[in-house]
Amino acid sequence: MQQSQEPFNCPVEATLSLIGGKYKPLILWHLIDQPLHYMELQRLIPKATAKMLSQQLRDLENSGMVSREVIPEKPPKTIYSLTAFGKSIIPVLEAMCKWGIGYLDGLDVQTPCCPSMNK
């Protein structure tokens, strides 16, 4: 389901309206390679509360970037994946990761988050 059209003054503003949020870029980043269960996302983003993670996932689903599938098991499992529209943000996320690596290198901080993006 796509969000209603809002008037934007700038393309960056439009982008931020979709992926702005404390954990939305991280959620999208972790979904690049494979669909993930809700609990896997919770483990990958430990600072996100369950309420915040659920809200950010709902927002991404409402914007059409993420799809949600409920597997009818006991207990039910919820799997999230990128839609075709969601996959279109991958180059932006990769650029953010590359920029972040340069920034963290300047601080002499190493991170395992983007091993394929390291020099």
C-alpha atoms as a PDB file:
ATOM      1  CA  MET A   1       0.000   0.000   0.000  1.00  0.00           C
ATOM      2  CA  GLN A   2       1.577   3.289  -1.069  1.00  0.00           C
ATOM      3  CA  GLN A   3       1.331   6.396   1.079  1.00  0.00           C
ATOM      4  CA  SER A   4      -0.716   9.283  -0.197  1.00  0.00           C
ATOM      5  CA  GLN A   5       1.205  11.852  -2.201  1.00  0.00           C
ATOM      6  CA  GLU A   6       2.559  14.664  -0.083  1.00  0.00           C
ATOM      7  CA  PRO A   7       3.931  17.897  -1.467  1.00  0.00           C
ATOM      8  CA  PHE A   8       7.716  17.847  -1.150  1.00  0.00           C
ATOM      9  CA  ASN A   9      10.063  20.768  -1.613  1.00  0.00           C
ATOM     10  CA  CYS A  10      13.079  18.569  -2.271  1.00  0.00           C
ATOM     11  CA  PRO A  11      13.823  14.973  -3.383  1.00  0.00           C
ATOM     12  CA  VAL A  12      15.855  14.469  -0.195  1.00  0.00           C
ATOM     13  CA  GLU A  13      12.745  15.357   1.802  1.00  0.00           C
ATOM     14  CA  ALA A  14      10.760  12.733  -0.155  1.00  0.00           C
ATOM     15  CA  THR A  15      13.452  10.115   0.509  1.00  0.00           C
ATOM     16  CA  LEU A  16      13.556  10.929   4.212  1.00  0.00           C
ATOM     17  CA  SER A  17       9.781  10.675   4.431  1.00  0.00           C
ATOM     18  CA  LEU A  18      10.143   7.029   3.379  1.00  0.00           C
ATOM     19  CA  ILE A  19      13.341   5.910   5.099  1.00  0.00           C
ATOM     20  CA  GLY A  20      13.703   8.506   7.842  1.00  0.00           C
ATOM     21  CA  GLY A  21      13.375   7.018  11.266  1.00  0.00           C
ATOM     22  CA  LYS A  22      15.704   5.708  13.867  1.00  0.00           C
ATOM     23  CA  TYR A  23      15.761   2.116  12.578  1.00  0.00           C
ATOM     24  CA  LYS A  24      14.255   2.120   9.066  1.00  0.00           C
ATOM     25  CA  PRO A  25      17.605   2.262   7.237  1.00  0.00           C
ATOM     26  CA  LEU A  26      18.963  -0.545   9.445  1.00  0.00           C
ATOM     27  CA  ILE A  27      15.904  -2.696   8.809  1.00  0.00           C
ATOM     28  CA  LEU A  28      16.226  -2.160   5.069  1.00  0.00           C
ATOM     29  CA  TRP A  29      19.977  -2.848   5.237  1.00  0.00           C
ATOM     30  CA  HIS A  30      19.488  -6.180   7.002  1.00  0.00           C
ATOM     31  CA  LEU A  31      16.818  -7.245   4.511  1.00  0.00           C
ATOM     32  CA  ILE A  32      19.052  -6.699   1.453  1.00  0.00           C
ATOM     33  CA  ASP A  33      20.407 -10.252   1.284  1.00  0.00           C
ATOM     34  CA  GLN A  34      17.451 -12.266   2.531  1.00  0.00           C
ATOM     35  CA  PRO A  35      14.021 -12.162   4.132  1.00  0.00           C
ATOM     36  CA  LEU A  36      14.183 -12.241   7.921  1.00  0.00           C
ATOM     37  CA  HIS A  37      11.901 -13.259  10.759  1.00  0.00           C
ATOM     38  CA  TYR A  38      10.846 -10.539  13.173  1.00  0.00           C
ATOM     39  CA  MET A  39      12.965 -12.110  15.931  1.00  0.00           C
ATOM     40  CA  GLU A  40      16.047 -12.132  13.680  1.00  0.00           C
ATOM     41  CA  LEU A  41      15.587  -8.403  13.050  1.00  0.00           C
ATOM     42  CA  GLN A  42      15.212  -7.869  16.784  1.00  0.00           C
ATOM     43  CA  ARG A  43      18.524  -9.659  17.392  1.00  0.00           C
ATOM     44  CA  LEU A  44      20.268  -7.691  14.625  1.00  0.00           C
ATOM     45  CA  ILE A  45      18.992  -4.347  15.963  1.00  0.00           C
ATOM     46  CA  PRO A  46      19.252  -4.828  19.745  1.00  0.00           C
ATOM     47  CA  LYS A  47      18.800  -1.142  20.602  1.00  0.00           C
ATOM     48  CA  ALA A  48      15.313  -1.111  19.048  1.00  0.00           C
ATOM     49  CA  THR A  49      12.487  -1.793  21.450  1.00  0.00           C
ATOM     50  CA  ALA A  50       9.855  -4.276  20.261  1.00  0.00           C
ATOM     51  CA  LYS A  51       7.339  -1.434  19.969  1.00  0.00           C
ATOM     52  CA  MET A  52       9.692   0.770  17.935  1.00  0.00           C
ATOM     53  CA  LEU A  53      10.781  -2.071  15.653  1.00  0.00           C
ATOM     54  CA  SER A  54       7.157  -3.038  15.000  1.00  0.00           C
ATOM     55  CA  GLN A  55       6.207   0.575  14.237  1.00  0.00           C
ATOM     56  CA  GLN A  56       9.118   1.086  11.855  1.00  0.00           C
ATOM     57  CA  LEU A  57       8.328  -2.196  10.076  1.00  0.00           C
ATOM     58  CA  ARG A  58       4.670  -1.172   9.791  1.00  0.00           C
ATOM     59  CA  ASP A  59       5.694   2.192   8.302  1.00  0.00           C
ATOM     60  CA  LEU A  60       7.965   0.475   5.770  1.00  0.00           C
ATOM     61  CA  GLU A  61       5.184  -1.940   4.885  1.00  0.00           C
ATOM     62  CA  ASN A  62       2.670   0.902   4.473  1.00  0.00           C
ATOM     63  CA  SER A  63       5.070   2.743   2.165  1.00  0.00           C
ATOM     64  CA  GLY A  64       5.447  -0.359  -0.002  1.00  0.00           C
ATOM     65  CA  MET A  65       9.138  -0.903   0.739  1.00  0.00           C
ATOM     66  CA  VAL A  66       8.770  -4.063   2.816  1.00  0.00           C
ATOM     67  CA  SER A  67       6.385  -6.967   2.547  1.00  0.00           C
ATOM     68  CA  ARG A  68       5.168  -8.947   5.520  1.00  0.00           C
ATOM     69  CA  GLU A  69       4.236 -12.624   5.419  1.00  0.00           C
ATOM     70  CA  VAL A  70       2.733 -14.497   8.346  1.00  0.00           C
ATOM     71  CA  ILE A  71       3.569 -18.204   8.407  1.00  0.00           C
ATOM     72  CA  PRO A  72       0.685 -20.053  10.099  1.00  0.00           C
ATOM     73  CA  GLU A  73       2.721 -22.151  12.528  1.00  0.00           C
ATOM     74  CA  LYS A  74       2.484 -22.459  16.270  1.00  0.00           C
ATOM     75  CA  PRO A  75       3.593 -19.914  17.253  1.00  0.00           C
ATOM     76  CA  PRO A  76       3.078 -17.938  14.025  1.00  0.00           C
ATOM     77  CA  LYS A  77       6.206 -16.539  12.380  1.00  0.00           C
ATOM     78  CA  THR A  78       6.329 -13.208  10.616  1.00  0.00           C
ATOM     79  CA  ILE A  79       8.809 -12.841   7.775  1.00  0.00           C
ATOM     80  CA  TYR A  80       9.794  -9.496   6.273  1.00  0.00           C
ATOM     81  CA  SER A  81      11.389  -8.946   2.869  1.00  0.00           C
ATOM     82  CA  LEU A  82      12.139  -6.097   0.511  1.00  0.00           C
ATOM     83  CA  THR A  83       9.664  -5.412  -2.261  1.00  0.00           C
ATOM     84  CA  ALA A  84      10.854  -4.389  -5.726  1.00  0.00           C
ATOM     85  CA  PHE A  85      10.317  -0.784  -4.615  1.00  0.00           C
ATOM     86  CA  GLY A  86      12.286  -1.471  -1.427  1.00  0.00           C
ATOM     87  CA  LYS A  87      15.154  -2.944  -3.447  1.00  0.00           C
ATOM     88  CA  SER A  88      15.433   0.332  -5.337  1.00  0.00           C
ATOM     89  CA  ILE A  89      16.871   1.948  -2.163  1.00  0.00           C
ATOM     90  CA  ILE A  90      19.832  -0.500  -2.029  1.00  0.00           C
ATOM     91  CA  PRO A  91      22.278   1.823  -3.869  1.00  0.00           C
ATOM     92  CA  VAL A  92      21.437   4.598  -1.394  1.00  0.00           C
ATOM     93  CA  LEU A  93      22.021   2.273   1.573  1.00  0.00           C
ATOM     94  CA  GLU A  94      25.298   1.067   0.063  1.00  0.00           C
ATOM     95  CA  ALA A  95      26.420   4.685  -0.378  1.00  0.00           C
ATOM     96  CA  MET A  96      25.484   5.386   3.255  1.00  0.00           C
ATOM     97  CA  CYS A  97      27.490   2.350   4.363  1.00  0.00           C
ATOM     98  CA  LYS A  98      30.521   3.375   2.299  1.00  0.00           C
ATOM     99  CA  TRP A  99      30.358   6.916   3.674  1.00  0.00           C
ATOM    100  CA  GLY A 100      29.991   5.553   7.217  1.00  0.00           C
ATOM    101  CA  ILE A 101      33.022   3.302   6.787  1.00  0.00           C
ATOM    102  CA  GLY A 102      35.113   6.332   5.805  1.00  0.00           C
ATOM    103  CA  TYR A 103      33.810   8.282   8.770  1.00  0.00           C
ATOM    104  CA  LEU A 104      34.480   5.448  11.224  1.00  0.00           C
ATOM    105  CA  ASP A 105      37.947   4.843   9.731  1.00  0.00           C
ATOM    106  CA  GLY A 106      38.760   8.450  10.613  1.00  0.00           C
ATOM    107  CA  LEU A 107      37.756   7.672  14.190  1.00  0.00           C
ATOM    108  CA  ASP A 108      39.740   4.404  14.069  1.00  0.00           C
ATOM    109  CA  VAL A 109      36.572   2.389  14.723  1.00  0.00           C
ATOM    110  CA  GLN A 110      36.049  -1.008  13.082  1.00  0.00           C
ATOM    111  CA  THR A 111      32.594  -2.484  12.543  1.00  0.00           C
ATOM    112  CA  PRO A 112      31.520  -5.917  11.260  1.00  0.00           C
ATOM    113  CA  CYS A 113      28.288  -4.500   9.837  1.00  0.00           C
ATOM    114  CA  CYS A 114      29.491  -4.049   6.247  1.00  0.00           C
ATOM    115  CA  PRO A 115      32.283  -6.573   5.683  1.00  0.00           C
ATOM    116  CA  SER A 116      31.768  -6.660   1.898  1.00  0.00           C
ATOM    117  CA  MET A 117      31.958  -2.847   1.741  1.00  0.00           C
ATOM    118  CA  ASN A 118      35.299  -2.554   3.578  1.00  0.00           C
ATOM    119  CA  LYS A 119      38.252  -1.495   1.446  1.00  0.00           C
END
